[in-house]
């Protein structure tokens, strides 16, 4: 099993941003609902930080979704990125 953390952090960033936008919330609004700073939300959405379990819970409550749904979104993005990376082969130069 590949345990590359950066791919999970990137998938979480995309998933969080997508779920926030789906909920029609600004970073500031989600931050207030989750009792974190807007700067921290920005760091999460750009992959500069990763959440703890308690933060995942607070974010999911702030988004009004189940924690498992947020994790499922992360998994979908991670799996899609992994498949894309696996299917990209070496470039064959054209004549």
C-alpha atoms as a PDB file:
ATOM      1  CA  UNK A   1       0.000   0.000   0.000  1.00  0.00           C
ATOM      2  CA  UNK A   2       1.294   3.418  -0.983  1.00  0.00           C
ATOM      3  CA  UNK A   3       1.238   5.757   2.008  1.00  0.00           C
ATOM      4  CA  UNK A   4       2.181   8.972   0.256  1.00  0.00           C
ATOM      5  CA  UNK A   5       0.645  11.601   2.453  1.00  0.00           C
ATOM      6  CA  UNK A   6       0.884  14.450  -0.046  1.00  0.00           C
ATOM      7  CA  UNK A   7      -1.624  12.826  -2.402  1.00  0.00           C
ATOM      8  CA  UNK A   8      -4.119  12.475   0.445  1.00  0.00           C
ATOM      9  CA  UNK A   9      -3.559  16.055   1.571  1.00  0.00           C
ATOM     10  CA  UNK A  10      -4.103  17.274  -2.005  1.00  0.00           C
ATOM     11  CA  UNK A  11      -7.269  15.164  -2.327  1.00  0.00           C
ATOM     12  CA  UNK A  12      -8.547  16.554   0.969  1.00  0.00           C
ATOM     13  CA  UNK A  13      -7.871  20.108  -0.218  1.00  0.00           C
ATOM     14  CA  UNK A  14      -9.919  19.584  -3.384  1.00  0.00           C
ATOM     15  CA  UNK A  15     -12.703  17.761  -1.540  1.00  0.00           C
ATOM     16  CA  UNK A  16     -13.011  20.401   1.179  1.00  0.00           C
ATOM     17  CA  UNK A  17     -13.092  23.236  -1.314  1.00  0.00           C
ATOM     18  CA  UNK A  18     -15.696  21.410  -3.392  1.00  0.00           C
ATOM     19  CA  UNK A  19     -17.918  20.606  -0.421  1.00  0.00           C
ATOM     20  CA  UNK A  20     -17.661  24.183   0.842  1.00  0.00           C
ATOM     21  CA  UNK A  21     -18.622  25.565  -2.552  1.00  0.00           C
ATOM     22  CA  UNK A  22     -21.468  23.046  -2.835  1.00  0.00           C
ATOM     23  CA  UNK A  23     -22.737  24.332   0.523  1.00  0.00           C
ATOM     24  CA  UNK A  24     -22.419  27.881  -0.872  1.00  0.00           C
ATOM     25  CA  UNK A  25     -20.178  28.980   1.987  1.00  0.00           C
ATOM     26  CA  UNK A  26     -17.202  31.300   1.996  1.00  0.00           C
ATOM     27  CA  UNK A  27     -14.047  30.244   3.783  1.00  0.00           C
ATOM     28  CA  UNK A  28     -14.940  32.735   6.499  1.00  0.00           C
ATOM     29  CA  UNK A  29     -18.423  31.280   6.964  1.00  0.00           C
ATOM     30  CA  UNK A  30     -17.122  27.725   7.198  1.00  0.00           C
ATOM     31  CA  UNK A  31     -14.414  28.838   9.594  1.00  0.00           C
ATOM     32  CA  UNK A  32     -16.992  30.409  11.882  1.00  0.00           C
ATOM     33  CA  UNK A  33     -19.209  27.321  11.774  1.00  0.00           C
ATOM     34  CA  UNK A  34     -16.259  24.997  12.469  1.00  0.00           C
ATOM     35  CA  UNK A  35     -14.700  27.292  15.097  1.00  0.00           C
ATOM     36  CA  UNK A  36     -11.384  27.606  13.263  1.00  0.00           C
ATOM     37  CA  UNK A  37      -9.753  30.545  11.523  1.00  0.00           C
ATOM     38  CA  UNK A  38     -10.416  31.462   7.907  1.00  0.00           C
ATOM     39  CA  UNK A  39      -6.648  31.296   7.409  1.00  0.00           C
ATOM     40  CA  UNK A  40      -6.677  27.666   8.554  1.00  0.00           C
ATOM     41  CA  UNK A  41      -9.458  26.872   6.057  1.00  0.00           C
ATOM     42  CA  UNK A  42      -7.301  28.472   3.363  1.00  0.00           C
ATOM     43  CA  UNK A  43      -4.304  26.386   4.449  1.00  0.00           C
ATOM     44  CA  UNK A  44      -6.428  23.221   4.321  1.00  0.00           C
ATOM     45  CA  UNK A  45      -7.784  24.066   0.868  1.00  0.00           C
ATOM     46  CA  UNK A  46      -4.308  24.726  -0.511  1.00  0.00           C
ATOM     47  CA  UNK A  47      -2.775  21.610   1.035  1.00  0.00           C
ATOM     48  CA  UNK A  48      -0.488  23.548   3.350  1.00  0.00           C
ATOM     49  CA  UNK A  49      -2.034  21.896   6.423  1.00  0.00           C
ATOM     50  CA  UNK A  50      -3.862  18.675   7.146  1.00  0.00           C
ATOM     51  CA  UNK A  51      -6.739  18.224   9.559  1.00  0.00           C
ATOM     52  CA  UNK A  52      -6.921  16.273  12.783  1.00  0.00           C
ATOM     53  CA  UNK A  53      -9.859  13.981  13.450  1.00  0.00           C
ATOM     54  CA  UNK A  54     -11.488  16.625  15.624  1.00  0.00           C
ATOM     55  CA  UNK A  55     -11.075  19.171  12.825  1.00  0.00           C
ATOM     56  CA  UNK A  56     -12.606  16.748  10.310  1.00  0.00           C
ATOM     57  CA  UNK A  57     -15.576  16.405  12.620  1.00  0.00           C
ATOM     58  CA  UNK A  58     -15.931  20.176  13.079  1.00  0.00           C
ATOM     59  CA  UNK A  59     -15.643  20.788   9.334  1.00  0.00           C
ATOM     60  CA  UNK A  60     -18.269  18.188   8.508  1.00  0.00           C
ATOM     61  CA  UNK A  61     -20.642  19.688  11.077  1.00  0.00           C
ATOM     62  CA  UNK A  62     -19.936  23.152   9.651  1.00  0.00           C
ATOM     63  CA  UNK A  63     -20.742  21.850   6.174  1.00  0.00           C
ATOM     64  CA  UNK A  64     -23.877  20.108   7.488  1.00  0.00           C
ATOM     65  CA  UNK A  65     -22.723  16.749   6.138  1.00  0.00           C
ATOM     66  CA  UNK A  66     -21.688  13.523   7.806  1.00  0.00           C
ATOM     67  CA  UNK A  67     -18.004  13.058   8.489  1.00  0.00           C
ATOM     68  CA  UNK A  68     -18.083   9.870   6.421  1.00  0.00           C
ATOM     69  CA  UNK A  69     -19.372  11.871   3.435  1.00  0.00           C
ATOM     70  CA  UNK A  70     -16.451  14.281   3.670  1.00  0.00           C
ATOM     71  CA  UNK A  71     -14.045  11.347   3.866  1.00  0.00           C
ATOM     72  CA  UNK A  72     -15.792   9.669   0.911  1.00  0.00           C
ATOM     73  CA  UNK A  73     -15.260  12.844  -1.142  1.00  0.00           C
ATOM     74  CA  UNK A  74     -11.566  12.780  -0.234  1.00  0.00           C
ATOM     75  CA  UNK A  75     -11.352   9.124  -1.211  1.00  0.00           C
ATOM     76  CA  UNK A  76     -13.041   9.784  -4.578  1.00  0.00           C
ATOM     77  CA  UNK A  77     -10.568  12.569  -5.386  1.00  0.00           C
ATOM     78  CA  UNK A  78      -7.619  10.506  -4.194  1.00  0.00           C
ATOM     79  CA  UNK A  79      -8.666   7.446  -6.185  1.00  0.00           C
ATOM     80  CA  UNK A  80      -9.270   9.530  -9.311  1.00  0.00           C
ATOM     81  CA  UNK A  81      -5.834  11.138  -9.006  1.00  0.00           C
ATOM     82  CA  UNK A  82      -4.206   7.767  -8.398  1.00  0.00           C
ATOM     83  CA  UNK A  83      -5.883   6.247 -11.467  1.00  0.00           C
ATOM     84  CA  UNK A  84      -4.857   9.256 -13.577  1.00  0.00           C
ATOM     85  CA  UNK A  85      -1.251   8.950 -12.402  1.00  0.00           C
ATOM     86  CA  UNK A  86      -1.223   5.202 -13.049  1.00  0.00           C
ATOM     87  CA  UNK A  87      -2.573   5.527 -16.593  1.00  0.00           C
ATOM     88  CA  UNK A  88      -0.116   8.169 -17.698  1.00  0.00           C
ATOM     89  CA  UNK A  89       2.684   6.352 -19.448  1.00  0.00           C
ATOM     90  CA  UNK A  90       5.915   7.559 -20.944  1.00  0.00           C
ATOM     91  CA  UNK A  91       5.610  10.115 -23.674  1.00  0.00           C
ATOM     92  CA  UNK A  92       6.403   8.745 -27.081  1.00  0.00           C
ATOM     93  CA  UNK A  93       7.875  11.440 -29.313  1.00  0.00           C
ATOM     94  CA  UNK A  94       6.044  11.986 -32.576  1.00  0.00           C
ATOM     95  CA  UNK A  95       7.936  12.267 -35.845  1.00  0.00           C
END
